[in-house]
């Protein structure tokens, strides 16, 4: 049996991960001298409360190779094959940790794939792999499906401030928007695994509308999967969800919250969407 492993930066809802049998390896968020494993030692609510009251901004840390190796060993010893899907290697060292861990099991039925995304984009690809395996895909076929879908994902997000991205070192091409935040609301994208500018508008609602327009322009009426994630932005989350349902042929929608690690870099108020063509599992298995 093929078992899926991912990292907590996918923000995969725990009930869904449990339902699909997906093992989640936690990243760590650090406030001063105190560190917390995401989803295990700190909840989303606790994190955002700390973020509001802490004297210093938090930092994040990737899982170590040994963290991944412990999971891989347990699954391999139980007779499973393993497919591990991680967040973008350009945003974190998590992928490299997983690759180093895989090297400890030379010849084992173990594959590591870089999703090239984070949060809802990463989660959609993980769920697609899980559904493919349920439909009868083997490890290589499920990995190939992720590699095929990844370049076709549109991941856009908007946020209240670029300060968190800047301080966390993940700002990438979005640095072009620094100094303009009082006048515009940026719409950013993850492209080729990195944060890049997409558009700039005047109002928050217009940013959400622009995201929905871009999805409709890209995918038209074809069936799509949608992932939505937000941090302390419930009202805007519902607005964006409605806009996407109106404009797209949504076959599946995954709704989640931005967890502590991604929230460290996006800050409160970040809201993002990932859209990709609906996977055709029978064709993927041919």
C-alpha atoms as a PDB file:
ATOM      1  CA  UNK A   1       0.000   0.000   0.000  1.00  0.00           C
ATOM      2  CA  UNK A   2       1.200   3.526  -0.825  1.00  0.00           C
ATOM      3  CA  UNK A   3       1.226   5.930   2.134  1.00  0.00           C
ATOM      4  CA  UNK A   4       1.360   9.681   1.665  1.00  0.00           C
ATOM      5  CA  UNK A   5       3.536  11.992   3.746  1.00  0.00           C
ATOM      6  CA  UNK A   6       3.447  15.785   3.647  1.00  0.00           C
ATOM      7  CA  UNK A   7       4.460  18.699   5.874  1.00  0.00           C
ATOM      8  CA  UNK A   8       2.345  20.941   8.042  1.00  0.00           C
ATOM      9  CA  UNK A   9       2.863  23.968   5.760  1.00  0.00           C
ATOM     10  CA  UNK A  10       0.250  22.400   3.468  1.00  0.00           C
ATOM     11  CA  UNK A  11      -2.318  23.491   6.094  1.00  0.00           C
ATOM     12  CA  UNK A  12      -4.177  20.261   5.392  1.00  0.00           C
ATOM     13  CA  UNK A  13      -7.179  20.071   7.760  1.00  0.00           C
ATOM     14  CA  UNK A  14      -6.538  17.359  10.348  1.00  0.00           C
ATOM     15  CA  UNK A  15      -9.857  15.556   9.752  1.00  0.00           C
ATOM     16  CA  UNK A  16      -9.129  15.347   6.021  1.00  0.00           C
ATOM     17  CA  UNK A  17      -5.574  14.117   6.608  1.00  0.00           C
ATOM     18  CA  UNK A  18      -6.947  11.440   8.915  1.00  0.00           C
ATOM     19  CA  UNK A  19      -9.635  10.417   6.467  1.00  0.00           C
ATOM     20  CA  UNK A  20      -7.094  10.016   3.667  1.00  0.00           C
ATOM     21  CA  UNK A  21      -4.431   8.391   5.865  1.00  0.00           C
ATOM     22  CA  UNK A  22      -1.904  11.157   5.218  1.00  0.00           C
ATOM     23  CA  UNK A  23       0.986  11.517   7.673  1.00  0.00           C
ATOM     24  CA  UNK A  24       1.885  15.151   8.408  1.00  0.00           C
ATOM     25  CA  UNK A  25       5.428  16.053   9.501  1.00  0.00           C
ATOM     26  CA  UNK A  26       5.339  19.314  11.493  1.00  0.00           C
ATOM     27  CA  UNK A  27       7.420  22.411  10.931  1.00  0.00           C
ATOM     28  CA  UNK A  28       8.257  24.504  13.997  1.00  0.00           C
ATOM     29  CA  UNK A  29       7.394  28.076  14.929  1.00  0.00           C
ATOM     30  CA  UNK A  30       9.661  29.844  17.408  1.00  0.00           C
ATOM     31  CA  UNK A  31       8.844  32.765  19.711  1.00  0.00           C
ATOM     32  CA  UNK A  32      12.050  33.888  21.412  1.00  0.00           C
ATOM     33  CA  UNK A  33      13.327  30.844  23.281  1.00  0.00           C
ATOM     34  CA  UNK A  34      10.089  28.879  22.981  1.00  0.00           C
ATOM     35  CA  UNK A  35       9.504  26.534  20.049  1.00  0.00           C
ATOM     36  CA  UNK A  36       6.279  24.785  19.086  1.00  0.00           C
ATOM     37  CA  UNK A  37       5.610  22.033  16.579  1.00  0.00           C
ATOM     38  CA  UNK A  38       2.825  23.188  14.288  1.00  0.00           C
ATOM     39  CA  UNK A  39      -0.442  21.358  14.785  1.00  0.00           C
ATOM     40  CA  UNK A  40       0.915  19.439  17.782  1.00  0.00           C
ATOM     41  CA  UNK A  41       2.128  21.912  20.404  1.00  0.00           C
ATOM     42  CA  UNK A  42       0.343  25.064  19.215  1.00  0.00           C
ATOM     43  CA  UNK A  43      -3.055  25.688  17.658  1.00  0.00           C
ATOM     44  CA  UNK A  44      -3.847  28.314  15.052  1.00  0.00           C
ATOM     45  CA  UNK A  45      -5.773  30.355  17.631  1.00  0.00           C
ATOM     46  CA  UNK A  46      -2.923  30.199  20.153  1.00  0.00           C
ATOM     47  CA  UNK A  47      -0.442  31.264  17.479  1.00  0.00           C
ATOM     48  CA  UNK A  48      -2.364  34.350  16.342  1.00  0.00           C
ATOM     49  CA  UNK A  49      -2.945  35.364  19.963  1.00  0.00           C
ATOM     50  CA  UNK A  50       0.810  35.116  20.581  1.00  0.00           C
ATOM     51  CA  UNK A  51       1.515  37.015  17.385  1.00  0.00           C
ATOM     52  CA  UNK A  52      -0.558  39.933  18.668  1.00  0.00           C
ATOM     53  CA  UNK A  53       1.094  40.009  22.101  1.00  0.00           C
ATOM     54  CA  UNK A  54       4.686  38.905  21.518  1.00  0.00           C
ATOM     55  CA  UNK A  55       7.428  41.530  21.722  1.00  0.00           C
ATOM     56  CA  UNK A  56       9.242  39.976  18.755  1.00  0.00           C
ATOM     57  CA  UNK A  57       8.139  38.355  15.536  1.00  0.00           C
ATOM     58  CA  UNK A  58       8.307  34.565  15.422  1.00  0.00           C
ATOM     59  CA  UNK A  59      10.703  32.502  13.331  1.00  0.00           C
ATOM     60  CA  UNK A  60      10.157  29.153  11.674  1.00  0.00           C
ATOM     61  CA  UNK A  61      12.210  25.998  11.343  1.00  0.00           C
ATOM     62  CA  UNK A  62      11.951  23.105   8.894  1.00  0.00           C
ATOM     63  CA  UNK A  63      11.768  19.469   9.997  1.00  0.00           C
ATOM     64  CA  UNK A  64      15.162  17.796  10.284  1.00  0.00           C
ATOM     65  CA  UNK A  65      16.159  14.840   8.085  1.00  0.00           C
ATOM     66  CA  UNK A  66      15.782  12.687  11.190  1.00  0.00           C
ATOM     67  CA  UNK A  67      12.193  13.873  11.613  1.00  0.00           C
ATOM     68  CA  UNK A  68      11.365  12.621   8.129  1.00  0.00           C
ATOM     69  CA  UNK A  69      13.495   9.501   8.530  1.00  0.00           C
ATOM     70  CA  UNK A  70      11.546   8.443  11.626  1.00  0.00           C
ATOM     71  CA  UNK A  71       8.285   8.643   9.665  1.00  0.00           C
ATOM     72  CA  UNK A  72       9.737   6.925   6.596  1.00  0.00           C
ATOM     73  CA  UNK A  73      11.187   4.102   8.702  1.00  0.00           C
ATOM     74  CA  UNK A  74       7.912   3.452  10.493  1.00  0.00           C
ATOM     75  CA  UNK A  75       5.950   3.266   7.238  1.00  0.00           C
ATOM     76  CA  UNK A  76       8.539   1.210   5.350  1.00  0.00           C
ATOM     77  CA  UNK A  77       8.901  -1.230   8.240  1.00  0.00           C
ATOM     78  CA  UNK A  78       5.129  -1.703   8.131  1.00  0.00           C
ATOM     79  CA  UNK A  79       5.452  -2.805   4.516  1.00  0.00           C
ATOM     80  CA  UNK A  80       4.230   0.379   2.842  1.00  0.00           C
ATOM     81  CA  UNK A  81       5.592   2.314  -0.105  1.00  0.00           C
ATOM     82  CA  UNK A  82       5.974   6.039   0.595  1.00  0.00           C
ATOM     83  CA  UNK A  83       5.254   9.153  -1.454  1.00  0.00           C
ATOM     84  CA  UNK A  84       6.311  12.380   0.274  1.00  0.00           C
ATOM     85  CA  UNK A  85       5.077  15.726  -1.087  1.00  0.00           C
ATOM     86  CA  UNK A  86       6.591  18.904   0.379  1.00  0.00           C
ATOM     87  CA  UNK A  87       6.288  22.663   0.097  1.00  0.00           C
ATOM     88  CA  UNK A  88       8.452  24.510  -2.418  1.00  0.00           C
ATOM     89  CA  UNK A  89      12.182  24.056  -1.946  1.00  0.00           C
ATOM     90  CA  UNK A  90      12.584  27.766  -2.795  1.00  0.00           C
ATOM     91  CA  UNK A  91      10.517  28.732   0.254  1.00  0.00           C
ATOM     92  CA  UNK A  92      11.913  26.261   2.798  1.00  0.00           C
ATOM     93  CA  UNK A  93      14.590  23.641   3.386  1.00  0.00           C
ATOM     94  CA  UNK A  94      11.866  21.077   4.100  1.00  0.00           C
ATOM     95  CA  UNK A  95      12.216  19.386   0.704  1.00  0.00           C
ATOM     96  CA  UNK A  96      15.974  19.020   1.165  1.00  0.00           C
ATOM     97  CA  UNK A  97      15.430  17.495   4.619  1.00  0.00           C
ATOM     98  CA  UNK A  98      13.053  14.953   3.106  1.00  0.00           C
ATOM     99  CA  UNK A  99      15.529  14.146   0.309  1.00  0.00           C
ATOM    100  CA  UNK A 100      18.351  13.662   2.815  1.00  0.00           C
ATOM    101  CA  UNK A 101      16.105  11.380   4.850  1.00  0.00           C
ATOM    102  CA  UNK A 102      15.171   9.355   1.763  1.00  0.00           C
ATOM    103  CA  UNK A 103      18.877   8.825   1.028  1.00  0.00           C
ATOM    104  CA  UNK A 104      19.095   6.865   4.300  1.00  0.00           C
ATOM    105  CA  UNK A 105      16.844   4.195   2.735  1.00  0.00           C
ATOM    106  CA  UNK A 106      18.685   3.377  -0.476  1.00  0.00           C
ATOM    107  CA  UNK A 107      16.648   1.134  -2.725  1.00  0.00           C
ATOM    108  CA  UNK A 108      13.469   1.532  -0.676  1.00  0.00           C
ATOM    109  CA  UNK A 109      10.118   2.227  -2.414  1.00  0.00           C
ATOM    110  CA  UNK A 110      10.220   5.891  -1.451  1.00  0.00           C
ATOM    111  CA  UNK A 111       9.690   8.997  -3.595  1.00  0.00           C
ATOM    112  CA  UNK A 112       9.989  12.683  -2.604  1.00  0.00           C
ATOM    113  CA  UNK A 113       8.279  15.347  -4.734  1.00  0.00           C
ATOM    114  CA  UNK A 114       8.520  19.149  -4.503  1.00  0.00           C
ATOM    115  CA  UNK A 115       4.981  20.507  -4.896  1.00  0.00           C
ATOM    116  CA  UNK A 116       6.390  23.975  -5.782  1.00  0.00           C
ATOM    117  CA  UNK A 117       3.673  25.532  -3.608  1.00  0.00           C
ATOM    118  CA  UNK A 118       2.610  25.985   0.010  1.00  0.00           C
ATOM    119  CA  UNK A 119      -0.670  26.016   1.950  1.00  0.00           C
ATOM    120  CA  UNK A 120      -3.736  25.480  -0.259  1.00  0.00           C
ATOM    121  CA  UNK A 121      -1.686  24.838  -3.407  1.00  0.00           C
ATOM    122  CA  UNK A 122       0.377  22.149  -1.741  1.00  0.00           C
ATOM    123  CA  UNK A 123      -2.744  20.698  -0.097  1.00  0.00           C
ATOM    124  CA  UNK A 124      -4.617  20.361  -3.392  1.00  0.00           C
ATOM    125  CA  UNK A 125      -1.760  18.360  -4.900  1.00  0.00           C
ATOM    126  CA  UNK A 126      -1.533  16.125  -1.845  1.00  0.00           C
ATOM    127  CA  UNK A 127      -5.269  15.414  -1.973  1.00  0.00           C
ATOM    128  CA  UNK A 128      -5.048  14.718  -5.721  1.00  0.00           C
ATOM    129  CA  UNK A 129      -2.309  12.153  -5.063  1.00  0.00           C
ATOM    130  CA  UNK A 130      -4.392  10.572  -2.293  1.00  0.00           C
ATOM    131  CA  UNK A 131      -7.457  10.286  -4.515  1.00  0.00           C
ATOM    132  CA  UNK A 132      -5.350   8.825  -7.317  1.00  0.00           C
ATOM    133  CA  UNK A 133      -3.989   6.165  -4.957  1.00  0.00           C
ATOM    134  CA  UNK A 134      -7.545   5.388  -3.851  1.00  0.00           C
ATOM    135  CA  UNK A 135      -8.422   4.935  -7.529  1.00  0.00           C
ATOM    136  CA  UNK A 136      -5.597   2.419  -7.958  1.00  0.00           C
ATOM    137  CA  UNK A 137      -2.538   4.489  -8.859  1.00  0.00           C
ATOM    138  CA  UNK A 138       0.838   3.162  -7.793  1.00  0.00           C
ATOM    139  CA  UNK A 139       3.530   5.339  -6.228  1.00  0.00           C
ATOM    140  CA  UNK A 140       5.134   6.332  -9.531  1.00  0.00           C
ATOM    141  CA  UNK A 141       1.786   7.190 -11.117  1.00  0.00           C
ATOM    142  CA  UNK A 142       0.685   9.310  -8.157  1.00  0.00           C
ATOM    143  CA  UNK A 143       4.025  11.155  -8.181  1.00  0.00           C
ATOM    144  CA  UNK A 144       3.717  11.718 -11.927  1.00  0.00           C
ATOM    145  CA  UNK A 145       0.217  13.131 -11.459  1.00  0.00           C
ATOM    146  CA  UNK A 146       1.574  15.706  -8.995  1.00  0.00           C
ATOM    147  CA  UNK A 147       4.401  16.623 -11.379  1.00  0.00           C
ATOM    148  CA  UNK A 148       1.871  17.046 -14.215  1.00  0.00           C
ATOM    149  CA  UNK A 149      -0.606  19.140 -12.233  1.00  0.00           C
ATOM    150  CA  UNK A 150       1.896  21.369 -10.434  1.00  0.00           C
ATOM    151  CA  UNK A 151       2.731  23.674 -13.392  1.00  0.00           C
ATOM    152  CA  UNK A 152      -1.001  24.139 -13.994  1.00  0.00           C
ATOM    153  CA  UNK A 153      -1.844  25.454 -10.512  1.00  0.00           C
ATOM    154  CA  UNK A 154      -2.724  29.129 -10.137  1.00  0.00           C
ATOM    155  CA  UNK A 155      -1.927  30.288  -6.602  1.00  0.00           C
ATOM    156  CA  UNK A 156      -2.732  33.915  -5.776  1.00  0.00           C
ATOM    157  CA  UNK A 157      -2.937  35.684  -2.441  1.00  0.00           C
ATOM    158  CA  UNK A 158      -3.292  39.096  -0.917  1.00  0.00           C
ATOM    159  CA  UNK A 159      -2.253  40.385   2.493  1.00  0.00           C
ATOM    160  CA  UNK A 160      -2.460  43.398   4.752  1.00  0.00           C
ATOM    161  CA  UNK A 161       1.273  44.063   4.951  1.00  0.00           C
ATOM    162  CA  UNK A 162       4.470  42.893   3.279  1.00  0.00           C
ATOM    163  CA  UNK A 163       6.395  43.253   6.530  1.00  0.00           C
ATOM    164  CA  UNK A 164       6.090  39.598   7.518  1.00  0.00           C
ATOM    165  CA  UNK A 165       7.276  38.377   4.116  1.00  0.00           C
ATOM    166  CA  UNK A 166      10.142  40.862   4.203  1.00  0.00           C
ATOM    167  CA  UNK A 167      11.344  39.948   7.696  1.00  0.00           C
ATOM    168  CA  UNK A 168      11.013  36.237   6.983  1.00  0.00           C
ATOM    169  CA  UNK A 169      13.123  36.503   3.832  1.00  0.00           C
ATOM    170  CA  UNK A 170      10.400  35.083   1.558  1.00  0.00           C
ATOM    171  CA  UNK A 171       9.440  38.301  -0.203  1.00  0.00           C
ATOM    172  CA  UNK A 172      11.074  37.431  -3.550  1.00  0.00           C
ATOM    173  CA  UNK A 173       9.886  39.567  -6.466  1.00  0.00           C
ATOM    174  CA  UNK A 174       7.147  41.064  -4.295  1.00  0.00           C
ATOM    175  CA  UNK A 175       9.829  43.477  -3.004  1.00  0.00           C
ATOM    176  CA  UNK A 176       8.793  45.633  -5.950  1.00  0.00           C
ATOM    177  CA  UNK A 177       5.686  46.533  -3.940  1.00  0.00           C
ATOM    178  CA  UNK A 178       7.556  47.702  -0.843  1.00  0.00           C
ATOM    179  CA  UNK A 179       6.839  51.324  -0.014  1.00  0.00           C
ATOM    180  CA  UNK A 180       3.494  51.338  -1.820  1.00  0.00           C
ATOM    181  CA  UNK A 181       1.341  49.466   0.700  1.00  0.00           C
ATOM    182  CA  UNK A 182      -0.395  52.646   1.904  1.00  0.00           C
ATOM    183  CA  UNK A 183      -1.690  53.272  -1.612  1.00  0.00           C
ATOM    184  CA  UNK A 184      -2.325  49.802  -3.035  1.00  0.00           C
ATOM    185  CA  UNK A 185      -3.286  46.268  -2.146  1.00  0.00           C
ATOM    186  CA  UNK A 186      -0.904  43.768  -3.751  1.00  0.00           C
ATOM    187  CA  UNK A 187      -2.001  40.534  -5.350  1.00  0.00           C
ATOM    188  CA  UNK A 188       0.913  38.106  -5.207  1.00  0.00           C
ATOM    189  CA  UNK A 189       1.473  34.706  -6.765  1.00  0.00           C
ATOM    190  CA  UNK A 190       3.655  31.694  -6.250  1.00  0.00           C
ATOM    191  CA  UNK A 191       5.235  30.950  -9.610  1.00  0.00           C
ATOM    192  CA  UNK A 192       8.056  28.486 -10.181  1.00  0.00           C
ATOM    193  CA  UNK A 193       8.098  27.947  -6.433  1.00  0.00           C
ATOM    194  CA  UNK A 194       8.739  31.602  -5.521  1.00  0.00           C
ATOM    195  CA  UNK A 195       6.689  34.599  -4.401  1.00  0.00           C
ATOM    196  CA  UNK A 196       6.238  37.045  -7.285  1.00  0.00           C
ATOM    197  CA  UNK A 197       4.065  40.118  -7.947  1.00  0.00           C
ATOM    198  CA  UNK A 198       0.864  39.547  -9.919  1.00  0.00           C
ATOM    199  CA  UNK A 199      -1.119  42.784  -9.772  1.00  0.00           C
ATOM    200  CA  UNK A 200      -1.812  45.829  -7.625  1.00  0.00           C
ATOM    201  CA  UNK A 201      -5.220  47.344  -6.933  1.00  0.00           C
ATOM    202  CA  UNK A 202      -6.665  50.063  -4.715  1.00  0.00           C
ATOM    203  CA  UNK A 203      -8.983  48.183  -2.370  1.00  0.00           C
ATOM    204  CA  UNK A 204      -9.037  44.861  -0.531  1.00  0.00           C
ATOM    205  CA  UNK A 205     -12.336  43.815  -2.122  1.00  0.00           C
ATOM    206  CA  UNK A 206     -10.940  44.635  -5.547  1.00  0.00           C
ATOM    207  CA  UNK A 207      -7.949  42.376  -4.785  1.00  0.00           C
ATOM    208  CA  UNK A 208     -10.325  39.481  -4.128  1.00  0.00           C
ATOM    209  CA  UNK A 209     -12.281  40.257  -7.295  1.00  0.00           C
ATOM    210  CA  UNK A 210      -9.039  40.378  -9.281  1.00  0.00           C
ATOM    211  CA  UNK A 211      -8.062  36.951  -7.981  1.00  0.00           C
ATOM    212  CA  UNK A 212     -11.411  35.494  -9.047  1.00  0.00           C
ATOM    213  CA  UNK A 213     -11.141  37.166 -12.461  1.00  0.00           C
ATOM    214  CA  UNK A 214      -7.682  35.721 -13.004  1.00  0.00           C
ATOM    215  CA  UNK A 215      -8.950  32.236 -12.183  1.00  0.00           C
ATOM    216  CA  UNK A 216     -11.870  32.595 -14.584  1.00  0.00           C
ATOM    217  CA  UNK A 217      -9.567  33.887 -17.333  1.00  0.00           C
ATOM    218  CA  UNK A 218      -7.199  30.959 -16.850  1.00  0.00           C
ATOM    219  CA  UNK A 219      -9.665  28.100 -16.500  1.00  0.00           C
ATOM    220  CA  UNK A 220     -12.898  29.258 -18.133  1.00  0.00           C
ATOM    221  CA  UNK A 221     -15.665  26.695 -17.742  1.00  0.00           C
ATOM    222  CA  UNK A 222     -13.494  23.602 -17.327  1.00  0.00           C
ATOM    223  CA  UNK A 223     -13.937  21.596 -14.111  1.00  0.00           C
ATOM    224  CA  UNK A 224     -11.484  22.750 -11.443  1.00  0.00           C
ATOM    225  CA  UNK A 225     -10.368  22.010  -7.922  1.00  0.00           C
ATOM    226  CA  UNK A 226     -10.096  25.020  -5.614  1.00  0.00           C
ATOM    227  CA  UNK A 227      -8.200  25.446  -2.360  1.00  0.00           C
ATOM    228  CA  UNK A 228      -8.895  28.417  -0.087  1.00  0.00           C
ATOM    229  CA  UNK A 229      -6.937  29.462   2.999  1.00  0.00           C
ATOM    230  CA  UNK A 230      -7.016  32.491   5.257  1.00  0.00           C
ATOM    231  CA  UNK A 231      -5.576  33.886   8.470  1.00  0.00           C
ATOM    232  CA  UNK A 232      -8.030  35.821  10.615  1.00  0.00           C
ATOM    233  CA  UNK A 233      -9.958  36.988   7.531  1.00  0.00           C
ATOM    234  CA  UNK A 234     -13.260  35.124   7.770  1.00  0.00           C
ATOM    235  CA  UNK A 235     -15.430  37.721   6.040  1.00  0.00           C
ATOM    236  CA  UNK A 236     -13.107  38.109   3.060  1.00  0.00           C
ATOM    237  CA  UNK A 237     -12.735  34.326   2.903  1.00  0.00           C
ATOM    238  CA  UNK A 238     -16.488  33.931   2.403  1.00  0.00           C
ATOM    239  CA  UNK A 239     -16.522  36.704  -0.198  1.00  0.00           C
ATOM    240  CA  UNK A 240     -13.735  35.103  -2.219  1.00  0.00           C
ATOM    241  CA  UNK A 241     -15.379  31.696  -1.953  1.00  0.00           C
ATOM    242  CA  UNK A 242     -18.635  33.112  -3.342  1.00  0.00           C
ATOM    243  CA  UNK A 243     -16.838  34.894  -6.167  1.00  0.00           C
ATOM    244  CA  UNK A 244     -15.064  31.705  -7.201  1.00  0.00           C
ATOM    245  CA  UNK A 245     -18.243  29.618  -7.066  1.00  0.00           C
ATOM    246  CA  UNK A 246     -19.944  32.176  -9.307  1.00  0.00           C
ATOM    247  CA  UNK A 247     -17.148  32.293 -11.884  1.00  0.00           C
ATOM    248  CA  UNK A 248     -15.750  28.769 -11.961  1.00  0.00           C
ATOM    249  CA  UNK A 249     -16.962  25.232 -12.577  1.00  0.00           C
ATOM    250  CA  UNK A 250     -15.880  23.994  -9.137  1.00  0.00           C
ATOM    251  CA  UNK A 251     -15.755  20.212  -8.865  1.00  0.00           C
ATOM    252  CA  UNK A 252     -14.045  20.157  -5.463  1.00  0.00           C
ATOM    253  CA  UNK A 253     -13.294  22.875  -2.909  1.00  0.00           C
ATOM    254  CA  UNK A 254     -10.884  22.538   0.005  1.00  0.00           C
ATOM    255  CA  UNK A 255     -11.262  25.142   2.755  1.00  0.00           C
ATOM    256  CA  UNK A 256      -8.632  25.595   5.425  1.00  0.00           C
ATOM    257  CA  UNK A 257      -6.890  28.086   7.689  1.00  0.00           C
ATOM    258  CA  UNK A 258      -3.372  29.397   7.378  1.00  0.00           C
ATOM    259  CA  UNK A 259      -1.354  27.761  10.138  1.00  0.00           C
ATOM    260  CA  UNK A 260       1.427  29.172  12.321  1.00  0.00           C
ATOM    261  CA  UNK A 261       4.342  28.580   9.932  1.00  0.00           C
ATOM    262  CA  UNK A 262       2.753  30.127   6.849  1.00  0.00           C
ATOM    263  CA  UNK A 263       1.132  32.755   9.091  1.00  0.00           C
ATOM    264  CA  UNK A 264       4.571  33.776  10.349  1.00  0.00           C
ATOM    265  CA  UNK A 265       5.442  34.903   6.825  1.00  0.00           C
ATOM    266  CA  UNK A 266       2.035  36.138   5.646  1.00  0.00           C
ATOM    267  CA  UNK A 267       0.729  37.692   8.840  1.00  0.00           C
ATOM    268  CA  UNK A 268      -2.875  38.145   9.971  1.00  0.00           C
ATOM    269  CA  UNK A 269      -5.226  39.028   7.131  1.00  0.00           C
ATOM    270  CA  UNK A 270      -3.563  36.944   4.449  1.00  0.00           C
ATOM    271  CA  UNK A 271      -6.014  35.150   2.180  1.00  0.00           C
ATOM    272  CA  UNK A 272      -5.115  32.924  -0.722  1.00  0.00           C
ATOM    273  CA  UNK A 273      -6.557  30.627  -3.353  1.00  0.00           C
ATOM    274  CA  UNK A 274      -5.178  27.806  -5.432  1.00  0.00           C
ATOM    275  CA  UNK A 275      -6.974  26.615  -8.556  1.00  0.00           C
ATOM    276  CA  UNK A 276      -6.059  23.733 -10.838  1.00  0.00           C
ATOM    277  CA  UNK A 277      -7.749  21.568 -13.476  1.00  0.00           C
ATOM    278  CA  UNK A 278      -9.781  18.761 -11.939  1.00  0.00           C
ATOM    279  CA  UNK A 279      -7.631  15.621 -12.066  1.00  0.00           C
ATOM    280  CA  UNK A 280      -8.829  12.898 -14.416  1.00  0.00           C
ATOM    281  CA  UNK A 281      -7.850   9.817 -12.471  1.00  0.00           C
ATOM    282  CA  UNK A 282      -8.721   7.193 -15.116  1.00  0.00           C
ATOM    283  CA  UNK A 283      -6.392   8.909 -17.593  1.00  0.00           C
ATOM    284  CA  UNK A 284      -3.715   9.241 -14.909  1.00  0.00           C
ATOM    285  CA  UNK A 285      -3.773   5.478 -14.473  1.00  0.00           C
ATOM    286  CA  UNK A 286      -3.419   4.549 -18.133  1.00  0.00           C
END
